[in-house]
Amino acid sequence: MRAPLNASTGIVLSLLLVLTVPALAQGAETPGPYASVTGHVEAVSQHGGPDIVTSPTPPEEVVTNYVWTLELQTDEPRLSGSWVVNQSYNHFAADDVGGMFRHGIGRLTNDGGTWTSELRGYTKPGEEPYRNNHYMAWFTGEGGYEGFSAMLLMLPTRSGEWDIDGVIAQGPLPELPSLSDLPDD
């Protein structure tokens, strides 16, 4: 036998519906404060030529102002869109297989806001550069993404693109500690 519904039960059930349904709908539309990100990056176009300085001693080439437009496509809409990157790199062999260090800055934009980014990477000796660059990229949100940060690991694919694995978080990237805080040996 069921207990009859009374006014108290009706109020409690109504309150649960009022509180639960909007939260469920919001959860479906808004990712949490810390979420995984996967996807890929594709090079779209290069902007002009880089500045190249050669040297007889390592690094054999120093390249600056190497600007590209990339398309970042992830399962996280806030971290997808057109990404313009300006890189510098030190190339440690003139034969294109000696390896290199890369360092760059960038701006990712989409309809929701903007991200500024810093990236660092390398190509291993013996790997074809430009197609085998390994990167770590750090993003700081602006505009609609103010207060968010992200870190993405970019691993090269055989097709010359990069697979993405990382995280997005509500909150800033941690500050680097000071070297003066290290103990003396």
Protein backbone atom coordinates (compact mmCIF):
# COMPACT_ATOMS: atom_id res chain seq x y z
CA MET A 1 0.00 0.00 0.00
CA ARG A 2 1.38 3.38 -0.97
CA ALA A 3 1.51 6.23 1.45
CA PRO A 4 -0.64 9.11 0.28
CA LEU A 5 1.17 12.23 -0.92
CA ASN A 6 0.77 15.11 1.42
CA ALA A 7 1.74 18.78 1.13
CA SER A 8 5.18 18.20 2.72
CA THR A 9 6.08 15.41 0.30
CA GLY A 10 4.89 17.51 -2.66
CA ILE A 11 7.03 20.47 -1.55
CA VAL A 12 10.13 18.28 -1.12
CA LEU A 13 9.66 16.64 -4.55
CA SER A 14 9.08 20.02 -6.20
CA LEU A 15 12.19 21.45 -4.55
CA LEU A 16 14.27 18.47 -5.71
CA LEU A 17 13.04 18.93 -9.29
CA VAL A 18 13.70 22.67 -9.24
CA LEU A 19 17.27 22.14 -7.97
CA THR A 20 18.18 19.03 -9.96
CA VAL A 21 16.90 19.66 -13.50
CA PRO A 22 18.78 22.97 -14.06
CA ALA A 23 21.96 21.46 -12.60
CA LEU A 24 21.73 18.47 -14.95
CA ALA A 25 21.12 20.72 -17.95
CA GLN A 26 23.98 23.02 -16.99
CA GLY A 27 26.32 20.06 -16.47
CA ALA A 28 25.59 18.89 -20.01
CA GLU A 29 26.53 22.28 -21.48
CA THR A 30 29.34 23.49 -19.22
CA PRO A 31 32.48 21.40 -18.67
CA GLY A 32 33.82 21.19 -15.13
CA PRO A 33 36.63 23.27 -13.65
CA TYR A 34 39.27 20.62 -14.59
CA ALA A 35 38.87 18.52 -17.74
CA SER A 36 40.90 16.33 -20.09
CA VAL A 37 41.56 17.54 -23.64
CA THR A 38 42.37 15.45 -26.72
CA GLY A 39 42.53 16.32 -30.39
CA HIS A 40 44.97 17.32 -33.12
CA VAL A 41 46.77 20.30 -34.66
CA GLU A 42 47.20 20.89 -38.37
CA ALA A 43 49.46 23.46 -40.03
CA VAL A 44 47.35 25.74 -42.27
CA SER A 45 49.73 28.39 -43.63
CA GLN A 46 53.12 30.00 -43.14
CA HIS A 47 53.39 33.80 -42.94
CA GLY A 48 56.41 35.01 -44.90
CA GLY A 49 59.86 33.55 -44.48
CA PRO A 50 61.72 33.13 -41.22
CA ASP A 51 64.93 35.03 -40.42
CA ILE A 52 67.87 32.59 -40.55
CA VAL A 53 71.39 33.17 -39.23
CA THR A 54 73.98 30.45 -39.90
CA SER A 55 77.11 29.73 -37.90
CA PRO A 56 80.10 27.37 -38.22
CA THR A 57 79.63 26.35 -34.57
CA PRO A 58 76.56 24.88 -32.85
CA PRO A 59 73.84 25.74 -33.29
CA GLU A 60 74.46 25.78 -37.03
CA GLU A 61 71.24 27.73 -37.67
CA VAL A 62 69.33 30.16 -35.51
CA VAL A 63 65.87 30.80 -36.90
CA THR A 64 63.53 33.55 -35.65
CA ASN A 65 60.12 34.88 -36.69
CA TYR A 66 58.91 31.53 -38.01
CA VAL A 67 55.16 32.34 -38.03
CA TRP A 68 52.45 29.82 -38.81
CA THR A 69 48.68 29.63 -38.60
CA LEU A 70 47.60 26.30 -37.14
CA GLU A 71 44.15 24.80 -36.70
CA LEU A 72 43.68 23.34 -33.21
CA GLN A 73 40.75 20.89 -33.06
CA THR A 74 39.98 19.32 -29.69
CA ASP A 75 37.10 17.71 -27.86
CA GLU A 76 37.10 20.87 -25.70
CA PRO A 77 35.43 23.70 -27.70
CA ARG A 78 37.14 26.35 -25.59
CA LEU A 79 40.53 25.06 -26.85
CA SER A 80 39.69 24.79 -30.54
CA GLY A 81 40.21 27.35 -33.28
CA SER A 82 42.79 29.31 -35.24
CA TRP A 83 46.18 29.39 -33.49
CA VAL A 84 48.85 31.80 -34.79
CA VAL A 85 52.33 30.89 -33.51
CA ASN A 86 55.68 32.73 -33.82
CA GLN A 87 58.65 30.44 -33.12
CA SER A 88 62.39 30.61 -32.84
CA TYR A 89 64.63 27.60 -32.96
CA ASN A 90 68.22 26.47 -32.77
CA HIS A 91 69.06 23.85 -35.38
CA PHE A 92 72.06 21.70 -34.46
CA ALA A 93 73.01 20.38 -37.93
CA ALA A 94 72.93 21.84 -41.40
CA ASP A 95 71.75 18.52 -42.90
CA ASP A 96 68.19 18.76 -41.45
CA VAL A 97 68.58 15.70 -39.22
CA GLY A 98 70.66 17.01 -36.32
CA GLY A 99 67.84 17.97 -34.02
CA MET A 100 66.62 21.30 -32.72
CA PHE A 101 65.23 23.23 -29.77
CA ARG A 102 62.10 25.35 -30.36
CA HIS A 103 60.49 28.12 -28.36
CA GLY A 104 57.45 30.16 -29.32
CA ILE A 105 54.45 32.26 -28.41
CA GLY A 106 50.99 32.25 -29.85
CA ARG A 107 47.39 33.36 -29.78
CA LEU A 108 44.42 31.00 -30.13
CA THR A 109 41.09 32.61 -30.96
CA ASN A 110 37.54 31.37 -31.32
CA ASP A 111 34.03 32.77 -30.76
CA GLY A 112 34.26 32.38 -26.98
CA GLY A 113 37.50 34.23 -26.31
CA THR A 114 41.27 34.23 -26.70
CA TRP A 115 44.21 32.29 -25.29
CA THR A 116 47.82 33.43 -25.19
CA SER A 117 50.30 30.59 -25.29
CA GLU A 118 53.92 29.68 -24.82
CA LEU A 119 55.36 26.52 -26.29
CA ARG A 120 58.68 24.73 -26.11
CA GLY A 121 59.75 21.74 -28.07
CA TYR A 122 62.46 19.71 -29.72
CA THR A 123 63.25 17.42 -32.62
CA LYS A 124 65.48 14.45 -31.83
CA PRO A 125 68.69 13.86 -33.79
CA GLY A 126 67.94 11.74 -36.85
CA GLU A 127 64.28 12.81 -37.04
CA GLU A 128 63.04 14.87 -39.93
CA PRO A 129 62.45 18.38 -38.56
CA TYR A 130 59.16 20.18 -39.03
CA ARG A 131 57.33 16.83 -39.13
CA ASN A 132 58.68 15.39 -35.87
CA ASN A 133 58.57 18.30 -33.45
CA HIS A 134 57.53 17.38 -29.91
CA TYR A 135 55.93 20.26 -27.96
CA MET A 136 54.53 21.25 -24.62
CA ALA A 137 52.23 24.27 -24.75
CA TRP A 138 50.86 26.40 -21.91
CA PHE A 139 47.73 28.55 -22.40
CA THR A 140 46.33 31.46 -20.39
CA GLY A 141 42.74 32.53 -21.06
CA GLU A 142 41.64 36.08 -21.90
CA GLY A 143 38.26 37.68 -22.56
CA GLY A 144 35.62 34.95 -22.29
CA TYR A 145 38.27 32.52 -21.01
CA GLU A 146 39.70 34.84 -18.33
CA GLY A 147 40.62 32.76 -15.28
CA PHE A 148 41.25 29.52 -17.23
CA SER A 149 44.55 27.80 -18.03
CA ALA A 150 45.52 24.78 -20.09
CA MET A 151 48.54 22.58 -20.74
CA LEU A 152 48.81 20.49 -23.91
CA LEU A 153 51.34 17.86 -24.94
CA MET A 154 51.72 17.79 -28.73
CA LEU A 155 53.15 14.61 -30.25
CA PRO A 156 53.95 14.35 -33.97
CA THR A 157 52.03 12.01 -36.27
CA ARG A 158 53.29 10.43 -39.48
CA SER A 159 51.16 12.85 -41.51
CA GLY A 160 52.97 15.94 -40.19
CA GLU A 161 50.22 16.91 -37.76
CA TRP A 162 50.26 16.61 -33.97
CA ASP A 163 48.09 14.62 -31.60
CA ILE A 164 47.00 16.52 -28.51
CA ASP A 165 46.71 15.28 -24.93
CA GLY A 166 46.25 17.69 -22.04
CA VAL A 167 44.04 19.42 -19.51
CA ILE A 168 42.09 22.65 -19.08
CA ALA A 169 41.47 24.13 -15.64
CA GLN A 170 39.66 27.00 -14.02
CA GLY A 171 42.50 28.82 -12.30
CA PRO A 172 45.99 30.08 -13.13
CA LEU A 173 49.07 28.11 -14.04
CA PRO A 174 51.36 27.75 -11.01
CA GLU A 175 54.20 30.22 -10.66
CA LEU A 176 57.73 28.89 -10.96
CA PRO A 177 59.59 28.76 -7.66
CA SER A 178 62.72 30.85 -7.27
CA LEU A 179 66.15 29.27 -7.70
CA SER A 180 67.19 31.14 -4.55
CA ASP A 181 64.82 28.87 -2.61
CA LEU A 182 66.83 25.76 -3.49
CA PRO A 183 69.05 24.43 -0.70
CA ASP A 184 72.80 24.75 -1.05
CA ASP A 185 74.66 21.50 -1.66
